[in-house]
Amino acid sequence: MILIITMLVSVTVTDSLATELTKSSHGIKATLKTTPGKNMVDIYLYDSKTLKPVKEARVSAKITLPDRTGVERELMGMAMDGAFSYMNSLDFSQKGRYKFDILVDAGSAPVKFSFVLDEK
């Protein structure tokens, strides 16, 4: 049996600076960081109790773009600048709403996090 929990967060971005959104579910704290100016998406995963990075997970993203087309990305885990994140690139050239459905499989039941970003 697979349990999928969906959490929704919405934020508006008015420039190309990085934006961070955080949610917790089922023992995992997830922080989505988008950097439109660099076309980067990162998700930082932590154990909610210990705040230690989760380094052994499969992470995938289904992203709905402002024109309502969708893209899927596997997010690769990597340590950079002293932090561990799961990352991939994404073209942020469209203005409007981006919806991120992130699926994290860290060994127990997969957990789904949903984030909404309005890029202006």
C-alpha atoms as a PDB file:
ATOM      1  CA  MET A   1       0.000   0.000   0.000  1.00  0.00           C
ATOM      2  CA  ILE A   2       1.340   3.411  -0.948  1.00  0.00           C
ATOM      3  CA  LEU A   3       0.311   6.445   1.074  1.00  0.00           C
ATOM      4  CA  ILE A   4       0.620   9.758  -0.725  1.00  0.00           C
ATOM      5  CA  ILE A   5       0.085  12.981   1.190  1.00  0.00           C
ATOM      6  CA  THR A   6      -0.291  16.233  -0.720  1.00  0.00           C
ATOM      7  CA  MET A   7       0.603  19.596   0.775  1.00  0.00           C
ATOM      8  CA  LEU A   8       0.084  22.846  -1.152  1.00  0.00           C
ATOM      9  CA  VAL A   9       2.038  26.077  -0.762  1.00  0.00           C
ATOM     10  CA  SER A  10       1.682  29.175  -2.943  1.00  0.00           C
ATOM     11  CA  VAL A  11       4.021  32.147  -3.335  1.00  0.00           C
ATOM     12  CA  THR A  12       4.457  35.006  -5.800  1.00  0.00           C
ATOM     13  CA  VAL A  13       7.901  35.905  -7.142  1.00  0.00           C
ATOM     14  CA  THR A  14       8.447  39.371  -8.567  1.00  0.00           C
ATOM     15  CA  ASP A  15      12.067  39.027  -9.680  1.00  0.00           C
ATOM     16  CA  SER A  16      14.643  36.371 -10.520  1.00  0.00           C
ATOM     17  CA  LEU A  17      15.978  35.983  -6.977  1.00  0.00           C
ATOM     18  CA  ALA A  18      15.837  32.605  -5.276  1.00  0.00           C
ATOM     19  CA  THR A  19      12.619  31.660  -3.522  1.00  0.00           C
ATOM     20  CA  GLU A  20      12.354  29.063  -0.748  1.00  0.00           C
ATOM     21  CA  LEU A  21       9.195  27.267   0.398  1.00  0.00           C
ATOM     22  CA  THR A  22       9.143  24.728   3.234  1.00  0.00           C
ATOM     23  CA  LYS A  23       6.701  22.011   4.308  1.00  0.00           C
ATOM     24  CA  SER A  24       6.895  18.948   6.567  1.00  0.00           C
ATOM     25  CA  SER A  25       5.085  15.631   6.290  1.00  0.00           C
ATOM     26  CA  HIS A  26       5.598  12.094   7.562  1.00  0.00           C
ATOM     27  CA  GLY A  27       8.922  12.819   9.199  1.00  0.00           C
ATOM     28  CA  ILE A  28      10.408  14.698   6.227  1.00  0.00           C
ATOM     29  CA  LYS A  29      10.998  18.444   6.054  1.00  0.00           C
ATOM     30  CA  ALA A  30      11.191  19.615   2.429  1.00  0.00           C
ATOM     31  CA  THR A  31      12.420  22.996   1.268  1.00  0.00           C
ATOM     32  CA  LEU A  32      11.921  23.831  -2.400  1.00  0.00           C
ATOM     33  CA  LYS A  33      14.333  26.465  -3.690  1.00  0.00           C
ATOM     34  CA  THR A  34      13.836  27.936  -7.138  1.00  0.00           C
ATOM     35  CA  THR A  35      16.347  30.243  -8.785  1.00  0.00           C
ATOM     36  CA  PRO A  36      14.705  31.464 -12.011  1.00  0.00           C
ATOM     37  CA  GLY A  37      17.717  33.595 -12.961  1.00  0.00           C
ATOM     38  CA  LYS A  38      19.829  30.415 -13.097  1.00  0.00           C
ATOM     39  CA  ASN A  39      17.008  28.080 -14.271  1.00  0.00           C
ATOM     40  CA  MET A  40      17.562  25.863 -11.209  1.00  0.00           C
ATOM     41  CA  VAL A  41      15.247  23.877  -8.959  1.00  0.00           C
ATOM     42  CA  ASP A  42      16.563  22.382  -5.708  1.00  0.00           C
ATOM     43  CA  ILE A  43      14.797  20.461  -2.982  1.00  0.00           C
ATOM     44  CA  TYR A  44      16.469  20.087   0.405  1.00  0.00           C
ATOM     45  CA  LEU A  45      15.222  17.149   2.482  1.00  0.00           C
ATOM     46  CA  TYR A  46      15.737  16.756   6.221  1.00  0.00           C
ATOM     47  CA  ASP A  47      14.636  14.333   8.901  1.00  0.00           C
ATOM     48  CA  SER A  48      12.009  16.365  10.805  1.00  0.00           C
ATOM     49  CA  LYS A  49      13.266  15.205  14.219  1.00  0.00           C
ATOM     50  CA  THR A  50      17.046  15.330  13.810  1.00  0.00           C
ATOM     51  CA  LEU A  51      17.235  17.906  10.983  1.00  0.00           C
ATOM     52  CA  LYS A  52      19.920  15.755   9.366  1.00  0.00           C
ATOM     53  CA  PRO A  53      19.893  15.795   5.548  1.00  0.00           C
ATOM     54  CA  VAL A  54      18.136  12.916   3.805  1.00  0.00           C
ATOM     55  CA  LYS A  55      20.771  11.713   1.344  1.00  0.00           C
ATOM     56  CA  GLU A  56      19.280   8.364   0.296  1.00  0.00           C
ATOM     57  CA  ALA A  57      16.056   9.101  -1.573  1.00  0.00           C
ATOM     58  CA  ARG A  58      14.580   8.971  -5.041  1.00  0.00           C
ATOM     59  CA  VAL A  59      13.101  12.342  -5.867  1.00  0.00           C
ATOM     60  CA  SER A  60      11.034  13.183  -8.924  1.00  0.00           C
ATOM     61  CA  ALA A  61       9.093  16.264  -9.955  1.00  0.00           C
ATOM     62  CA  LYS A  62       6.095  16.797 -12.190  1.00  0.00           C
ATOM     63  CA  ILE A  63       5.972  20.466 -13.074  1.00  0.00           C
ATOM     64  CA  THR A  64       3.040  22.220 -14.699  1.00  0.00           C
ATOM     65  CA  LEU A  65       4.244  25.296 -16.575  1.00  0.00           C
ATOM     66  CA  PRO A  66       2.274  28.547 -16.987  1.00  0.00           C
ATOM     67  CA  ASP A  67       1.094  27.448 -20.464  1.00  0.00           C
ATOM     68  CA  ARG A  68      -0.340  24.307 -18.760  1.00  0.00           C
ATOM     69  CA  THR A  69       2.112  21.947 -20.405  1.00  0.00           C
ATOM     70  CA  GLY A  70       3.917  19.543 -18.122  1.00  0.00           C
ATOM     71  CA  VAL A  71       7.470  18.366 -17.703  1.00  0.00           C
ATOM     72  CA  GLU A  72       8.901  15.609 -15.556  1.00  0.00           C
ATOM     73  CA  ARG A  73      12.323  15.665 -13.967  1.00  0.00           C
ATOM     74  CA  GLU A  74      14.332  13.296 -11.826  1.00  0.00           C
ATOM     75  CA  LEU A  75      16.125  15.370  -9.217  1.00  0.00           C
ATOM     76  CA  MET A  76      19.684  14.186  -8.631  1.00  0.00           C
ATOM     77  CA  GLY A  77      21.195  14.311  -5.156  1.00  0.00           C
ATOM     78  CA  MET A  78      24.398  16.304  -4.802  1.00  0.00           C
ATOM     79  CA  ALA A  79      26.411  18.110  -2.160  1.00  0.00           C
ATOM     80  CA  MET A  80      27.305  21.712  -3.032  1.00  0.00           C
ATOM     81  CA  ASP A  81      28.556  24.569  -0.873  1.00  0.00           C
ATOM     82  CA  GLY A  82      28.267  22.441   2.283  1.00  0.00           C
ATOM     83  CA  ALA A  83      24.590  21.496   1.723  1.00  0.00           C
ATOM     84  CA  PHE A  84      22.952  18.426   0.171  1.00  0.00           C
ATOM     85  CA  SER A  85      20.055  18.911  -2.252  1.00  0.00           C
ATOM     86  CA  TYR A  86      18.244  17.179  -5.077  1.00  0.00           C
ATOM     87  CA  MET A  87      18.382  19.340  -8.197  1.00  0.00           C
ATOM     88  CA  ASN A  88      17.737  19.782 -11.883  1.00  0.00           C
ATOM     89  CA  SER A  89      17.293  22.610 -14.368  1.00  0.00           C
ATOM     90  CA  LEU A  90      14.010  24.171 -15.463  1.00  0.00           C
ATOM     91  CA  ASP A  91      13.338  26.894 -18.028  1.00  0.00           C
ATOM     92  CA  PHE A  92      11.626  29.744 -16.149  1.00  0.00           C
ATOM     93  CA  SER A  93      11.198  31.957 -19.239  1.00  0.00           C
ATOM     94  CA  GLN A  94       7.385  31.818 -19.050  1.00  0.00           C
ATOM     95  CA  LYS A  95       5.658  34.245 -16.705  1.00  0.00           C
ATOM     96  CA  GLY A  96       2.799  32.887 -14.637  1.00  0.00           C
ATOM     97  CA  ARG A  97       2.030  29.951 -12.349  1.00  0.00           C
ATOM     98  CA  TYR A  98       4.342  26.962 -11.937  1.00  0.00           C
ATOM     99  CA  LYS A  99       3.040  23.965 -10.003  1.00  0.00           C
ATOM    100  CA  PHE A 100       5.574  21.527  -8.547  1.00  0.00           C
ATOM    101  CA  ASP A 101       4.472  18.043  -7.481  1.00  0.00           C
ATOM    102  CA  ILE A 102       7.502  16.514  -5.777  1.00  0.00           C
ATOM    103  CA  LEU A 103       7.505  12.796  -4.944  1.00  0.00           C
ATOM    104  CA  VAL A 104      10.021  11.669  -2.328  1.00  0.00           C
ATOM    105  CA  ASP A 105      10.722   7.966  -1.815  1.00  0.00           C
ATOM    106  CA  ALA A 106      13.069   7.698   1.162  1.00  0.00           C
ATOM    107  CA  GLY A 107      12.461   4.048   2.013  1.00  0.00           C
ATOM    108  CA  SER A 108       9.091   4.182   3.741  1.00  0.00           C
ATOM    109  CA  ALA A 109       5.835   5.281   2.118  1.00  0.00           C
ATOM    110  CA  PRO A 110       6.443   7.858  -0.641  1.00  0.00           C
ATOM    111  CA  VAL A 111       5.512  11.416   0.335  1.00  0.00           C
ATOM    112  CA  LYS A 112       4.212  14.001  -2.113  1.00  0.00           C
ATOM    113  CA  PHE A 113       4.794  17.722  -1.638  1.00  0.00           C
ATOM    114  CA  SER A 114       3.034  20.298  -3.817  1.00  0.00           C
ATOM    115  CA  PHE A 115       4.247  23.854  -4.244  1.00  0.00           C
ATOM    116  CA  VAL A 116       2.873  26.696  -6.376  1.00  0.00           C
ATOM    117  CA  LEU A 117       5.061  29.541  -7.620  1.00  0.00           C
ATOM    118  CA  ASP A 118       3.785  32.627  -9.461  1.00  0.00           C
ATOM    119  CA  GLU A 119       6.633  34.030 -11.581  1.00  0.00           C
ATOM    120  CA  LYS A 120       6.016  37.631 -12.695  1.00  0.00           C
END
